Amino acid sequence: MTLELYYWPGLQGRGEFVRLALEEADADYVDVARQPDGMAAMNRLLDGDETVRPPFAPPFLRDGELLVAQTSAILLHLGGKLGLAPDDAQGRLWTHQLQLTVADLVDEAHDTHHPIASSLYYDDQKEEAARRAADFRDARIPKFLGWFEKVLARNPAGPDHLVGDGATYADLSLFQVVDGLSYAFPKAMKRILSAMPNVKALHAAVAKRPRIQAYLASDRRQPFNAQGVFRHYPELDG
């Protein structure tokens, strides 16, 4: 059965974490909102016209009768279905915990350019954004990525993966967050990653996985831009 991913067209955003899992697993899926009349179909679900359990916001995924929203919850579901999570309960929960930490980092990255309100333009909060971005670059990125560096170093199966000896959706998500941060803060990330060899190596290894490499080179991979979670404003990079 074809999986249906719903996310805003023209953006990587939080939907990209789900796309990477679907691409790595060679899953049969459709990116609904990028299809003709796809936005109307997405809005019907958001409005509750076709479900008694409407999602709050994209991304959400339809898998047969199941409709699941929130990036981390979607990946928890897909991890077992697509073979991108361990078989044991402890391993699945650990992978989910890693993904929730990625989600926290993504939220903080978003708030560097919208520290006051998402309803305001970046130009309306540039002074606050500069202060927020400085703390994010100097303190928060190193703290988050330093923790992932430690997780990789302490993995009993070796530092090639976050969990066990095979790729999980957590590896794919760490790749995406490093990729996004490197787009948004190229100078800062070059400095930060120089002290984090395991994170840097995992990012490079995921990019070389055959299906991910093919996806990154395809038109299915939408480019980073000034409307997504990860945005490059030179004045915020240090």
C-alpha atoms as a PDB file:
ATOM      1  CA  MET A   1       0.000   0.000   0.000  1.00  0.00           C
ATOM      2  CA  THR A   2       1.332   3.420  -0.948  1.00  0.00           C
ATOM      3  CA  LEU A   3       2.237   5.622   2.005  1.00  0.00           C
ATOM      4  CA  GLU A   4       1.040   9.211   1.824  1.00  0.00           C
ATOM      5  CA  LEU A   5       3.247  11.971   3.243  1.00  0.00           C
ATOM      6  CA  TYR A   6       1.673  15.366   3.786  1.00  0.00           C
ATOM      7  CA  TYR A   7       3.903  18.410   4.099  1.00  0.00           C
ATOM      8  CA  TRP A   8       4.116  21.935   2.707  1.00  0.00           C
ATOM      9  CA  PRO A   9       5.362  21.942  -0.899  1.00  0.00           C
ATOM     10  CA  GLY A  10       8.579  23.799  -1.639  1.00  0.00           C
ATOM     11  CA  LEU A  11      10.091  23.145   1.781  1.00  0.00           C
ATOM     12  CA  GLN A  12      12.341  20.529   3.321  1.00  0.00           C
ATOM     13  CA  GLY A  13      11.319  21.512   6.836  1.00  0.00           C
ATOM     14  CA  ARG A  14      10.351  18.861   9.356  1.00  0.00           C
ATOM     15  CA  GLY A  15       8.938  16.706   6.591  1.00  0.00           C
ATOM     16  CA  GLU A  16      12.449  16.037   5.295  1.00  0.00           C
ATOM     17  CA  PHE A  17      13.243  13.805   8.251  1.00  0.00           C
ATOM     18  CA  VAL A  18      10.380  11.560   7.163  1.00  0.00           C
ATOM     19  CA  ARG A  19      11.349  11.712   3.489  1.00  0.00           C
ATOM     20  CA  LEU A  20      14.869  10.516   4.269  1.00  0.00           C
ATOM     21  CA  ALA A  21      13.511   7.440   6.053  1.00  0.00           C
ATOM     22  CA  LEU A  22      11.137   6.676   3.193  1.00  0.00           C
ATOM     23  CA  GLU A  23      13.905   7.104   0.624  1.00  0.00           C
ATOM     24  CA  GLU A  24      16.425   5.000   2.538  1.00  0.00           C
ATOM     25  CA  ALA A  25      13.884   2.183   2.801  1.00  0.00           C
ATOM     26  CA  ASP A  26      12.887   2.499  -0.863  1.00  0.00           C
ATOM     27  CA  ALA A  27       9.306   2.790   0.356  1.00  0.00           C
ATOM     28  CA  ASP A  28       6.366   3.236  -1.984  1.00  0.00           C
ATOM     29  CA  TYR A  29       5.196   6.721  -1.057  1.00  0.00           C
ATOM     30  CA  VAL A  30       3.730   9.870  -2.515  1.00  0.00           C
ATOM     31  CA  ASP A  31       4.479  13.433  -1.386  1.00  0.00           C
ATOM     32  CA  VAL A  32       0.836  14.436  -1.576  1.00  0.00           C
ATOM     33  CA  ALA A  33       0.983  18.239  -1.428  1.00  0.00           C
ATOM     34  CA  ARG A  34       3.412  18.304  -4.350  1.00  0.00           C
ATOM     35  CA  GLN A  35       0.812  16.602  -6.550  1.00  0.00           C
ATOM     36  CA  PRO A  36      -2.079  18.275  -8.438  1.00  0.00           C
ATOM     37  CA  ASP A  37      -4.820  19.155  -5.937  1.00  0.00           C
ATOM     38  CA  GLY A  38      -2.532  17.919  -3.166  1.00  0.00           C
ATOM     39  CA  MET A  39      -2.888  21.037  -1.027  1.00  0.00           C
ATOM     40  CA  ALA A  40      -6.655  20.660  -1.069  1.00  0.00           C
ATOM     41  CA  ALA A  41      -6.315  17.059   0.082  1.00  0.00           C
ATOM     42  CA  MET A  42      -3.982  18.105   2.887  1.00  0.00           C
ATOM     43  CA  ASN A  43      -6.293  20.903   4.006  1.00  0.00           C
ATOM     44  CA  ARG A  44      -9.275  18.547   4.162  1.00  0.00           C
ATOM     45  CA  LEU A  45      -7.399  16.439   6.696  1.00  0.00           C
ATOM     46  CA  LEU A  46      -6.202  19.473   8.646  1.00  0.00           C
ATOM     47  CA  ASP A  47      -9.756  20.803   8.790  1.00  0.00           C
ATOM     48  CA  GLY A  48     -11.075  17.489  10.070  1.00  0.00           C
ATOM     49  CA  ASP A  49     -13.315  16.941   7.051  1.00  0.00           C
ATOM     50  CA  GLU A  50     -12.073  13.366   6.595  1.00  0.00           C
ATOM     51  CA  THR A  51     -11.034  12.286  10.096  1.00  0.00           C
ATOM     52  CA  VAL A  52     -12.246  12.621  13.675  1.00  0.00           C
ATOM     53  CA  ARG A  53      -8.599  12.916  14.734  1.00  0.00           C
ATOM     54  CA  PRO A  54      -7.248  15.799  12.646  1.00  0.00           C
ATOM     55  CA  PRO A  55      -3.523  16.525  12.839  1.00  0.00           C
ATOM     56  CA  PHE A  56      -2.475  19.867  14.282  1.00  0.00           C
ATOM     57  CA  ALA A  57      -0.004  20.594  11.478  1.00  0.00           C
ATOM     58  CA  PRO A  58       2.135  18.869   8.832  1.00  0.00           C
ATOM     59  CA  PRO A  59       4.000  16.644   8.572  1.00  0.00           C
ATOM     60  CA  PHE A  60       1.598  13.761   8.885  1.00  0.00           C
ATOM     61  CA  LEU A  61       1.484  10.353   7.270  1.00  0.00           C
ATOM     62  CA  ARG A  62      -1.359   8.149   6.120  1.00  0.00           C
ATOM     63  CA  ASP A  63      -0.660   4.423   6.238  1.00  0.00           C
ATOM     64  CA  GLY A  64      -3.857   2.678   5.266  1.00  0.00           C
ATOM     65  CA  GLU A  65      -6.396   3.390   8.017  1.00  0.00           C
ATOM     66  CA  LEU A  66      -3.722   4.969  10.230  1.00  0.00           C
ATOM     67  CA  LEU A  67      -3.114   8.720  10.239  1.00  0.00           C
ATOM     68  CA  VAL A  68      -0.137   9.802  12.360  1.00  0.00           C
ATOM     69  CA  ALA A  69       1.278  13.303  12.860  1.00  0.00           C
ATOM     70  CA  GLN A  70       4.407  14.788  14.480  1.00  0.00           C
ATOM     71  CA  THR A  71       7.790  13.940  12.946  1.00  0.00           C
ATOM     72  CA  SER A  72       9.042  11.849  15.855  1.00  0.00           C
ATOM     73  CA  ALA A  73       5.804   9.862  16.092  1.00  0.00           C
ATOM     74  CA  ILE A  74       5.808   9.222  12.348  1.00  0.00           C
ATOM     75  CA  LEU A  75       9.369   7.922  12.520  1.00  0.00           C
ATOM     76  CA  LEU A  76       8.565   5.764  15.544  1.00  0.00           C
ATOM     77  CA  HIS A  77       5.872   4.133  13.420  1.00  0.00           C
ATOM     78  CA  LEU A  78       8.011   3.847  10.300  1.00  0.00           C
ATOM     79  CA  GLY A  79      11.099   2.610  12.142  1.00  0.00           C
ATOM     80  CA  GLY A  80       9.633  -0.829  12.775  1.00  0.00           C
ATOM     81  CA  LYS A  81       7.678  -0.957   9.547  1.00  0.00           C
ATOM     82  CA  LEU A  82      10.657  -0.120   7.327  1.00  0.00           C
ATOM     83  CA  GLY A  83      13.457  -1.801   9.266  1.00  0.00           C
ATOM     84  CA  LEU A  84      15.012   1.458  10.447  1.00  0.00           C
ATOM     85  CA  ALA A  85      14.846   0.760  14.183  1.00  0.00           C
ATOM     86  CA  PRO A  86      16.003  -2.090  16.432  1.00  0.00           C
ATOM     87  CA  ASP A  87      13.701  -5.032  17.071  1.00  0.00           C
ATOM     88  CA  ASP A  88      13.891  -4.845  20.855  1.00  0.00           C
ATOM     89  CA  ALA A  89      11.800  -2.445  22.944  1.00  0.00           C
ATOM     90  CA  GLN A  90      14.790  -0.833  24.645  1.00  0.00           C
ATOM     91  CA  GLY A  91      16.474  -0.173  21.309  1.00  0.00           C
ATOM     92  CA  ARG A  92      13.293   1.269  19.790  1.00  0.00           C
ATOM     93  CA  LEU A  93      12.808   3.607  22.759  1.00  0.00           C
ATOM     94  CA  TRP A  94      16.440   4.713  22.667  1.00  0.00           C
ATOM     95  CA  THR A  95      16.124   5.493  18.967  1.00  0.00           C
ATOM     96  CA  HIS A  96      12.939   7.449  19.688  1.00  0.00           C
ATOM     97  CA  GLN A  97      14.724   9.373  22.450  1.00  0.00           C
ATOM     98  CA  LEU A  98      17.471  10.317  20.009  1.00  0.00           C
ATOM     99  CA  GLN A  99      14.860  11.543  17.537  1.00  0.00           C
ATOM    100  CA  LEU A 100      13.120  13.646  20.182  1.00  0.00           C
ATOM    101  CA  THR A 101      16.458  15.292  20.949  1.00  0.00           C
ATOM    102  CA  VAL A 102      16.900  16.061  17.259  1.00  0.00           C
ATOM    103  CA  ALA A 103      13.434  17.630  17.353  1.00  0.00           C
ATOM    104  CA  ASP A 104      14.482  19.863  20.253  1.00  0.00           C
ATOM    105  CA  LEU A 105      17.526  21.005  18.286  1.00  0.00           C
ATOM    106  CA  VAL A 106      15.400  21.721  15.213  1.00  0.00           C
ATOM    107  CA  ASP A 107      13.036  23.872  17.280  1.00  0.00           C
ATOM    108  CA  GLU A 108      15.956  25.897  18.633  1.00  0.00           C
ATOM    109  CA  ALA A 109      17.362  26.321  15.116  1.00  0.00           C
ATOM    110  CA  HIS A 110      14.018  27.699  13.974  1.00  0.00           C
ATOM    111  CA  ASP A 111      13.938  30.160  16.850  1.00  0.00           C
ATOM    112  CA  THR A 112      17.213  31.775  15.798  1.00  0.00           C
ATOM    113  CA  HIS A 113      15.375  33.568  12.992  1.00  0.00           C
ATOM    114  CA  HIS A 114      11.980  33.786  14.717  1.00  0.00           C
ATOM    115  CA  PRO A 115      12.792  34.324  18.408  1.00  0.00           C
ATOM    116  CA  ILE A 116       9.758  36.482  19.213  1.00  0.00           C
ATOM    117  CA  ALA A 117       6.908  35.072  17.130  1.00  0.00           C
ATOM    118  CA  SER A 118       6.434  32.892  14.073  1.00  0.00           C
ATOM    119  CA  SER A 119       3.750  35.313  12.917  1.00  0.00           C
ATOM    120  CA  LEU A 120       6.313  38.122  12.561  1.00  0.00           C
ATOM    121  CA  TYR A 121       8.725  38.504   9.669  1.00  0.00           C
ATOM    122  CA  TYR A 122      12.427  38.021  10.309  1.00  0.00           C
ATOM    123  CA  ASP A 123      12.962  41.711   9.586  1.00  0.00           C
ATOM    124  CA  ASP A 124      10.636  42.551  12.480  1.00  0.00           C
ATOM    125  CA  GLN A 125      12.869  40.750  15.005  1.00  0.00           C
ATOM    126  CA  LYS A 126      16.407  41.014  13.642  1.00  0.00           C
ATOM    127  CA  GLU A 127      17.924  42.432  16.815  1.00  0.00           C
ATOM    128  CA  GLU A 128      16.479  39.649  18.947  1.00  0.00           C
ATOM    129  CA  ALA A 129      17.455  37.085  16.318  1.00  0.00           C
ATOM    130  CA  ALA A 130      21.079  38.209  16.448  1.00  0.00           C
ATOM    131  CA  ARG A 131      21.190  37.694  20.214  1.00  0.00           C
ATOM    132  CA  ARG A 132      19.442  34.335  19.995  1.00  0.00           C
ATOM    133  CA  ALA A 133      21.684  33.116  17.153  1.00  0.00           C
ATOM    134  CA  ALA A 134      24.856  34.036  19.041  1.00  0.00           C
ATOM    135  CA  ASP A 135      23.850  31.881  21.997  1.00  0.00           C
ATOM    136  CA  PHE A 136      22.714  29.098  19.671  1.00  0.00           C
ATOM    137  CA  ARG A 137      26.046  29.080  17.818  1.00  0.00           C
ATOM    138  CA  ASP A 138      28.253  29.382  20.882  1.00  0.00           C
ATOM    139  CA  ALA A 139      26.400  27.244  23.401  1.00  0.00           C
ATOM    140  CA  ARG A 140      23.480  25.246  22.092  1.00  0.00           C
ATOM    141  CA  ILE A 141      24.841  23.665  18.902  1.00  0.00           C
ATOM    142  CA  PRO A 142      28.017  22.483  20.678  1.00  0.00           C
ATOM    143  CA  LYS A 143      25.941  21.106  23.560  1.00  0.00           C
ATOM    144  CA  PHE A 144      23.558  19.153  21.334  1.00  0.00           C
ATOM    145  CA  LEU A 145      26.149  17.871  18.862  1.00  0.00           C
ATOM    146  CA  GLY A 146      28.583  17.184  21.691  1.00  0.00           C
ATOM    147  CA  TRP A 147      25.980  14.868  23.195  1.00  0.00           C
ATOM    148  CA  PHE A 148      25.532  13.053  19.882  1.00  0.00           C
ATOM    149  CA  GLU A 149      29.320  12.786  19.603  1.00  0.00           C
ATOM    150  CA  LYS A 150      29.333  11.098  23.003  1.00  0.00           C
ATOM    151  CA  VAL A 151      26.499   8.753  22.019  1.00  0.00           C
ATOM    152  CA  LEU A 152      28.401   7.669  18.914  1.00  0.00           C
ATOM    153  CA  ALA A 153      31.623   7.159  20.875  1.00  0.00           C
ATOM    154  CA  ARG A 154      29.834   5.033  23.484  1.00  0.00           C
ATOM    155  CA  ASN A 155      27.823   2.870  21.121  1.00  0.00           C
ATOM    156  CA  PRO A 156      28.898  -0.700  22.026  1.00  0.00           C
ATOM    157  CA  ALA A 157      28.729  -1.645  18.345  1.00  0.00           C
ATOM    158  CA  GLY A 158      31.062   1.174  17.328  1.00  0.00           C
ATOM    159  CA  PRO A 159      30.832   4.847  16.332  1.00  0.00           C
ATOM    160  CA  ASP A 160      29.500   4.285  12.819  1.00  0.00           C
ATOM    161  CA  HIS A 161      25.885   4.445  14.013  1.00  0.00           C
ATOM    162  CA  LEU A 162      23.943   5.955  16.886  1.00  0.00           C
ATOM    163  CA  VAL A 163      22.180   2.681  17.707  1.00  0.00           C
ATOM    164  CA  GLY A 164      23.572  -0.803  17.197  1.00  0.00           C
ATOM    165  CA  ASP A 165      25.479  -1.795  14.084  1.00  0.00           C
ATOM    166  CA  GLY A 166      22.990  -0.741  11.405  1.00  0.00           C
ATOM    167  CA  ALA A 167      21.414   2.430  10.091  1.00  0.00           C
ATOM    168  CA  THR A 168      18.350   3.738  11.892  1.00  0.00           C
ATOM    169  CA  TYR A 169      16.145   6.741  11.284  1.00  0.00           C
ATOM    170  CA  ALA A 170      18.124   8.484  14.038  1.00  0.00           C
ATOM    171  CA  ASP A 171      21.258   8.353  11.857  1.00  0.00           C
ATOM    172  CA  LEU A 172      19.317   9.840   8.944  1.00  0.00           C
ATOM    173  CA  SER A 173      17.913  12.597  11.152  1.00  0.00           C
ATOM    174  CA  LEU A 174      21.304  13.502  12.577  1.00  0.00           C
ATOM    175  CA  PHE A 175      22.564  13.748   8.995  1.00  0.00           C
ATOM    176  CA  GLN A 176      19.716  16.107   8.129  1.00  0.00           C
ATOM    177  CA  VAL A 177      20.178  18.375  11.126  1.00  0.00           C
ATOM    178  CA  VAL A 178      23.920  18.654  10.473  1.00  0.00           C
ATOM    179  CA  ASP A 179      23.210  19.352   6.812  1.00  0.00           C
ATOM    180  CA  GLY A 180      20.685  22.026   7.709  1.00  0.00           C
ATOM    181  CA  LEU A 181      22.878  23.685  10.304  1.00  0.00           C
ATOM    182  CA  SER A 182      25.807  23.662   7.879  1.00  0.00           C
ATOM    183  CA  TYR A 183      23.618  25.534   5.392  1.00  0.00           C
ATOM    184  CA  ALA A 184      22.367  28.020   7.968  1.00  0.00           C
ATOM    185  CA  PHE A 185      25.614  28.563   9.885  1.00  0.00           C
ATOM    186  CA  PRO A 186      28.472  27.472   7.596  1.00  0.00           C
ATOM    187  CA  LYS A 187      31.251  29.318   9.432  1.00  0.00           C
ATOM    188  CA  ALA A 188      30.123  28.250  12.876  1.00  0.00           C
ATOM    189  CA  MET A 189      29.554  24.629  11.842  1.00  0.00           C
ATOM    190  CA  LYS A 190      32.979  24.329  10.238  1.00  0.00           C
ATOM    191  CA  ARG A 191      34.461  25.299  13.589  1.00  0.00           C
ATOM    192  CA  ILE A 192      32.139  23.111  15.660  1.00  0.00           C
ATOM    193  CA  LEU A 193      32.464  19.985  13.527  1.00  0.00           C
ATOM    194  CA  SER A 194      36.248  20.164  13.625  1.00  0.00           C
ATOM    195  CA  ALA A 195      35.980  19.029  17.250  1.00  0.00           C
ATOM    196  CA  MET A 196      33.377  16.317  16.565  1.00  0.00           C
ATOM    197  CA  PRO A 197      34.896  13.658  14.300  1.00  0.00           C
ATOM    198  CA  ASN A 198      32.203  11.038  14.885  1.00  0.00           C
ATOM    199  CA  VAL A 199      29.307  13.339  14.026  1.00  0.00           C
ATOM    200  CA  LYS A 200      31.189  14.607  10.986  1.00  0.00           C
ATOM    201  CA  ALA A 201      31.952  11.058   9.838  1.00  0.00           C
ATOM    202  CA  LEU A 202      28.344   9.921  10.267  1.00  0.00           C
ATOM    203  CA  HIS A 203      27.111  12.862   8.199  1.00  0.00           C
ATOM    204  CA  ALA A 204      29.526  11.959   5.409  1.00  0.00           C
ATOM    205  CA  ALA A 205      28.654   8.254   5.578  1.00  0.00           C
ATOM    206  CA  VAL A 206      24.899   8.828   5.356  1.00  0.00           C
ATOM    207  CA  ALA A 207      25.373  11.096   2.341  1.00  0.00           C
ATOM    208  CA  LYS A 208      27.157   8.205   0.594  1.00  0.00           C
ATOM    209  CA  ARG A 209      24.493   5.579   1.268  1.00  0.00           C
ATOM    210  CA  PRO A 210      23.324   4.582  -2.248  1.00  0.00           C
ATOM    211  CA  ARG A 211      19.648   5.448  -1.886  1.00  0.00           C
ATOM    212  CA  ILE A 212      20.331   8.651   0.026  1.00  0.00           C
ATOM    213  CA  GLN A 213      22.974   9.689  -2.496  1.00  0.00           C
ATOM    214  CA  ALA A 214      20.497   9.110  -5.320  1.00  0.00           C
ATOM    215  CA  TYR A 215      17.805  11.039  -3.480  1.00  0.00           C
ATOM    216  CA  LEU A 216      20.077  14.007  -2.783  1.00  0.00           C
ATOM    217  CA  ALA A 217      20.910  14.212  -6.489  1.00  0.00           C
ATOM    218  CA  SER A 218      17.251  14.026  -7.556  1.00  0.00           C
ATOM    219  CA  ASP A 219      14.578  16.694  -7.885  1.00  0.00           C
ATOM    220  CA  ARG A 220      12.710  15.034  -5.028  1.00  0.00           C
ATOM    221  CA  ARG A 221      15.248  16.660  -2.684  1.00  0.00           C
ATOM    222  CA  GLN A 222      14.064  20.248  -2.429  1.00  0.00           C
ATOM    223  CA  PRO A 223      16.792  22.813  -1.777  1.00  0.00           C
ATOM    224  CA  PHE A 224      17.202  24.716   1.461  1.00  0.00           C
ATOM    225  CA  ASN A 225      15.646  28.150   1.174  1.00  0.00           C
ATOM    226  CA  ALA A 226      14.597  31.245   3.102  1.00  0.00           C
ATOM    227  CA  GLN A 227      11.203  29.802   4.057  1.00  0.00           C
ATOM    228  CA  GLY A 228      12.333  26.608   5.780  1.00  0.00           C
ATOM    229  CA  VAL A 229      13.458  25.723   9.283  1.00  0.00           C
ATOM    230  CA  PHE A 230      17.118  26.113   8.354  1.00  0.00           C
ATOM    231  CA  ARG A 231      17.736  29.582   6.897  1.00  0.00           C
ATOM    232  CA  HIS A 232      21.012  31.227   6.012  1.00  0.00           C
ATOM    233  CA  TYR A 233      21.275  34.841   7.095  1.00  0.00           C
ATOM    234  CA  PRO A 234      24.977  35.812   6.946  1.00  0.00           C
ATOM    235  CA  GLU A 235      24.557  38.244   9.818  1.00  0.00           C
ATOM    236  CA  LEU A 236      23.504  35.379  12.098  1.00  0.00           C
ATOM    237  CA  ASP A 237      26.572  33.250  11.319  1.00  0.00           C
ATOM    238  CA  GLY A 238      29.704  33.794  13.355  1.00  0.00           C
END
